[in-house]
Amino acid sequence: MKDKWLLMICPDLKGEPTVEPVIDEITIKMDYILSRAEKRPPHGGSMHDWGSHCWKGWHETRCGKRSVSNDWRIPTFPDTWTNSLADYYIKHYRPFVPREELDKIEKIYKELRRYEDNPKLYEKLVYDNYCSGGAEED
């Protein structure tokens, strides 16, 4: 995937959050992606020499929801990152999430399922990512 960021956006600057969360197929897919994402190690730590994607602060939406200070790596796209607010954006700021971001969720979800439905392929992916620190961009 060419774009290295998933939902690294500020939809709260475009409007107010919904009172009730949007729970649908996209929400379920985003939850699935986040459940498999790997938190970036803290400063000074080294997990596969990923570099520094842990910050000394956090992002806070206008409505008061805070992110954690780590970015999260997507395992099937090891050079692609998201954050802890991704799920919140999908649930509460859906009208302000660009179509391109929703398309990325679909692509990443399909790829994760493809690997997880084939344990040998998934095992190779995990091994290759561990040994190389990431895969080549497609």
C-alpha atoms as a PDB file:
ATOM      1  CA  MET A   1       0.000   0.000   0.000  1.00  0.00           C
ATOM      2  CA  LYS A   2       1.466   3.352  -1.005  1.00  0.00           C
ATOM      3  CA  ASP A   3      -0.093   5.447   1.782  1.00  0.00           C
ATOM      4  CA  LYS A   4       1.563   4.608   5.098  1.00  0.00           C
ATOM      5  CA  TRP A   5      -1.203   6.000   7.322  1.00  0.00           C
ATOM      6  CA  LEU A   6      -4.650   4.649   8.189  1.00  0.00           C
ATOM      7  CA  LEU A   7      -7.057   7.120   9.808  1.00  0.00           C
ATOM      8  CA  MET A   8      -4.291   9.505  10.831  1.00  0.00           C
ATOM      9  CA  ILE A   9      -6.790  12.304  10.344  1.00  0.00           C
ATOM     10  CA  CYS A  10      -8.561  14.971  12.415  1.00  0.00           C
ATOM     11  CA  PRO A  11     -12.244  14.537  11.568  1.00  0.00           C
ATOM     12  CA  ASP A  12     -13.226  16.372  14.750  1.00  0.00           C
ATOM     13  CA  LEU A  13     -12.135  19.611  13.068  1.00  0.00           C
ATOM     14  CA  LYS A  14     -14.876  19.164  10.459  1.00  0.00           C
ATOM     15  CA  GLY A  15     -17.871  18.569  12.712  1.00  0.00           C
ATOM     16  CA  GLU A  16     -19.335  17.169  15.901  1.00  0.00           C
ATOM     17  CA  PRO A  17     -19.316  13.479  16.864  1.00  0.00           C
ATOM     18  CA  THR A  18     -22.458  11.392  16.666  1.00  0.00           C
ATOM     19  CA  VAL A  19     -24.219  10.803  19.985  1.00  0.00           C
ATOM     20  CA  GLU A  20     -24.659   7.101  19.259  1.00  0.00           C
ATOM     21  CA  PRO A  21     -21.769   5.116  17.746  1.00  0.00           C
ATOM     22  CA  VAL A  22     -22.117   3.790  14.206  1.00  0.00           C
ATOM     23  CA  ILE A  23     -21.855  -0.005  14.464  1.00  0.00           C
ATOM     24  CA  ASP A  24     -21.804  -1.671  11.072  1.00  0.00           C
ATOM     25  CA  GLU A  25     -19.600  -3.781   8.816  1.00  0.00           C
ATOM     26  CA  ILE A  26     -16.907  -1.086   8.523  1.00  0.00           C
ATOM     27  CA  THR A  27     -16.783  -0.699  12.324  1.00  0.00           C
ATOM     28  CA  ILE A  28     -16.412  -4.461  12.764  1.00  0.00           C
ATOM     29  CA  LYS A  29     -13.617  -4.556  10.167  1.00  0.00           C
ATOM     30  CA  MET A  30     -11.780  -1.672  11.854  1.00  0.00           C
ATOM     31  CA  ASP A  31     -12.090  -3.418  15.238  1.00  0.00           C
ATOM     32  CA  TYR A  32     -10.655  -6.558  13.641  1.00  0.00           C
ATOM     33  CA  ILE A  33      -7.705  -4.625  12.179  1.00  0.00           C
ATOM     34  CA  LEU A  34      -6.951  -2.937  15.507  1.00  0.00           C
ATOM     35  CA  SER A  35      -7.129  -6.259  17.334  1.00  0.00           C
ATOM     36  CA  ARG A  36      -4.208  -7.441  15.208  1.00  0.00           C
ATOM     37  CA  ALA A  37      -2.192  -4.205  15.126  1.00  0.00           C
ATOM     38  CA  GLU A  38       1.082  -4.066  17.032  1.00  0.00           C
ATOM     39  CA  LYS A  39       1.844  -1.139  19.327  1.00  0.00           C
ATOM     40  CA  ARG A  40       5.076   0.667  18.578  1.00  0.00           C
ATOM     41  CA  PRO A  41       7.682   0.190  21.347  1.00  0.00           C
ATOM     42  CA  PRO A  42       8.396   3.050  23.764  1.00  0.00           C
ATOM     43  CA  HIS A  43      11.339   5.409  23.225  1.00  0.00           C
ATOM     44  CA  GLY A  44      14.596   3.562  23.663  1.00  0.00           C
ATOM     45  CA  GLY A  45      12.954   0.159  23.168  1.00  0.00           C
ATOM     46  CA  SER A  46      13.551  -1.933  20.108  1.00  0.00           C
ATOM     47  CA  MET A  47      11.060  -4.290  18.571  1.00  0.00           C
ATOM     48  CA  HIS A  48      12.587  -5.289  15.246  1.00  0.00           C
ATOM     49  CA  ASP A  49      14.320  -1.874  15.165  1.00  0.00           C
ATOM     50  CA  TRP A  50      11.088  -0.184  14.065  1.00  0.00           C
ATOM     51  CA  GLY A  51      12.323   3.308  14.760  1.00  0.00           C
ATOM     52  CA  SER A  52      10.440   5.794  16.870  1.00  0.00           C
ATOM     53  CA  HIS A  53       6.686   5.946  16.549  1.00  0.00           C
ATOM     54  CA  CYS A  54       6.033   6.548  20.204  1.00  0.00           C
ATOM     55  CA  TRP A  55       5.478  10.156  21.135  1.00  0.00           C
ATOM     56  CA  LYS A  56       5.778  12.129  24.347  1.00  0.00           C
ATOM     57  CA  GLY A  57       2.170  13.232  24.105  1.00  0.00           C
ATOM     58  CA  TRP A  58      -1.183  12.299  22.636  1.00  0.00           C
ATOM     59  CA  HIS A  59      -3.875  13.698  20.397  1.00  0.00           C
ATOM     60  CA  GLU A  60      -7.122  14.850  21.947  1.00  0.00           C
ATOM     61  CA  THR A  61     -10.290  15.431  19.953  1.00  0.00           C
ATOM     62  CA  ARG A  62     -12.425  18.520  20.579  1.00  0.00           C
ATOM     63  CA  CYS A  63     -14.900  16.259  22.385  1.00  0.00           C
ATOM     64  CA  GLY A  64     -12.193  15.120  24.847  1.00  0.00           C
ATOM     65  CA  LYS A  65     -11.267  11.619  23.577  1.00  0.00           C
ATOM     66  CA  ARG A  66      -7.508  11.028  23.903  1.00  0.00           C
ATOM     67  CA  SER A  67      -5.218   8.746  21.954  1.00  0.00           C
ATOM     68  CA  VAL A  68      -2.398   6.756  23.499  1.00  0.00           C
ATOM     69  CA  SER A  69       1.120   7.946  22.679  1.00  0.00           C
ATOM     70  CA  ASN A  70       1.969   5.001  20.414  1.00  0.00           C
ATOM     71  CA  ASP A  71       1.268   4.446  16.743  1.00  0.00           C
ATOM     72  CA  TRP A  72       0.118   0.937  15.825  1.00  0.00           C
ATOM     73  CA  ARG A  73       1.623  -1.117  13.005  1.00  0.00           C
ATOM     74  CA  ILE A  74      -0.609  -3.111  10.645  1.00  0.00           C
ATOM     75  CA  PRO A  75       0.943  -6.613  10.365  1.00  0.00           C
ATOM     76  CA  THR A  76       0.076  -7.350   6.715  1.00  0.00           C
ATOM     77  CA  PHE A  77       1.283  -3.901   5.692  1.00  0.00           C
ATOM     78  CA  PRO A  78       4.261  -3.453   8.049  1.00  0.00           C
ATOM     79  CA  ASP A  79       4.995   0.053   6.814  1.00  0.00           C
ATOM     80  CA  THR A  80       1.406   1.157   7.469  1.00  0.00           C
ATOM     81  CA  TRP A  81       0.427   2.782  10.752  1.00  0.00           C
ATOM     82  CA  THR A  82      -2.741   3.722  12.582  1.00  0.00           C
ATOM     83  CA  ASN A  83      -3.557   5.084  16.032  1.00  0.00           C
ATOM     84  CA  SER A  84      -5.791   4.333  18.989  1.00  0.00           C
ATOM     85  CA  LEU A  85      -8.430   6.837  17.853  1.00  0.00           C
ATOM     86  CA  ALA A  86      -9.064   5.021  14.556  1.00  0.00           C
ATOM     87  CA  ASP A  87     -11.957   3.022  15.984  1.00  0.00           C
ATOM     88  CA  TYR A  88     -13.435   6.112  17.645  1.00  0.00           C
ATOM     89  CA  TYR A  89     -13.280   8.059  14.368  1.00  0.00           C
ATOM     90  CA  ILE A  90     -15.134   5.270  12.551  1.00  0.00           C
ATOM     91  CA  LYS A  91     -17.795   5.058  15.242  1.00  0.00           C
ATOM     92  CA  HIS A  92     -18.334   8.739  16.040  1.00  0.00           C
ATOM     93  CA  TYR A  93     -17.014  10.818  13.122  1.00  0.00           C
ATOM     94  CA  ARG A  94     -18.028   8.636  10.163  1.00  0.00           C
ATOM     95  CA  PRO A  95     -19.539  11.490   8.104  1.00  0.00           C
ATOM     96  CA  PHE A  96     -16.145  13.221   8.165  1.00  0.00           C
ATOM     97  CA  VAL A  97     -13.956  10.208   7.343  1.00  0.00           C
ATOM     98  CA  PRO A  98     -12.731  10.443   3.729  1.00  0.00           C
ATOM     99  CA  ARG A  99     -13.809   7.672   1.322  1.00  0.00           C
ATOM    100  CA  GLU A 100     -10.128   6.828   0.720  1.00  0.00           C
ATOM    101  CA  GLU A 101      -9.763   5.880   4.388  1.00  0.00           C
ATOM    102  CA  LEU A 102     -12.804   3.593   4.239  1.00  0.00           C
ATOM    103  CA  ASP A 103     -11.320   1.966   1.115  1.00  0.00           C
ATOM    104  CA  LYS A 104      -8.054   1.343   3.014  1.00  0.00           C
ATOM    105  CA  ILE A 105     -10.006  -0.415   5.775  1.00  0.00           C
ATOM    106  CA  GLU A 106     -11.542  -2.749   3.170  1.00  0.00           C
ATOM    107  CA  LYS A 107      -8.163  -3.496   1.572  1.00  0.00           C
ATOM    108  CA  ILE A 108      -6.368  -4.141   4.866  1.00  0.00           C
ATOM    109  CA  TYR A 109      -9.203  -6.285   6.218  1.00  0.00           C
ATOM    110  CA  LYS A 110      -9.245  -8.477   3.093  1.00  0.00           C
ATOM    111  CA  GLU A 111      -5.485  -8.923   3.254  1.00  0.00           C
ATOM    112  CA  LEU A 112      -5.528  -9.798   6.963  1.00  0.00           C
ATOM    113  CA  ARG A 113      -8.260 -12.384   6.374  1.00  0.00           C
ATOM    114  CA  ARG A 114      -6.326 -13.863   3.442  1.00  0.00           C
ATOM    115  CA  TYR A 115      -3.282 -14.410   5.653  1.00  0.00           C
ATOM    116  CA  GLU A 116      -5.180 -15.625   8.673  1.00  0.00           C
ATOM    117  CA  ASP A 117      -7.237 -18.062   6.621  1.00  0.00           C
ATOM    118  CA  ASN A 118      -3.930 -19.612   5.522  1.00  0.00           C
ATOM    119  CA  PRO A 119      -1.835 -20.297   8.671  1.00  0.00           C
ATOM    120  CA  LYS A 120       1.347 -21.181   6.746  1.00  0.00           C
ATOM    121  CA  LEU A 121       1.177 -17.931   4.791  1.00  0.00           C
ATOM    122  CA  TYR A 122       0.548 -15.952   7.993  1.00  0.00           C
ATOM    123  CA  GLU A 123       3.439 -17.687   9.770  1.00  0.00           C
ATOM    124  CA  LYS A 124       5.754 -16.745   6.881  1.00  0.00           C
ATOM    125  CA  LEU A 125       4.527 -13.132   6.984  1.00  0.00           C
ATOM    126  CA  VAL A 126       5.217 -12.861  10.718  1.00  0.00           C
ATOM    127  CA  TYR A 127       8.651 -14.479  10.324  1.00  0.00           C
ATOM    128  CA  ASP A 128       9.589 -12.275   7.348  1.00  0.00           C
ATOM    129  CA  ASN A 129       8.479  -9.124   9.169  1.00  0.00           C
ATOM    130  CA  TYR A 130      10.361 -10.107  12.308  1.00  0.00           C
ATOM    131  CA  CYS A 131      13.570 -10.837  10.420  1.00  0.00           C
ATOM    132  CA  SER A 132      13.486  -7.904   8.040  1.00  0.00           C
ATOM    133  CA  GLY A 133      11.736  -5.247  10.124  1.00  0.00           C
ATOM    134  CA  GLY A 134       9.088  -4.872   7.415  1.00  0.00           C
ATOM    135  CA  ALA A 135       8.104  -5.847   3.924  1.00  0.00           C
ATOM    136  CA  GLU A 136       8.582  -4.058   0.657  1.00  0.00           C
ATOM    137  CA  GLU A 137       5.911  -1.612  -0.451  1.00  0.00           C
ATOM    138  CA  ASP A 138       3.697  -2.808  -3.293  1.00  0.00           C
END
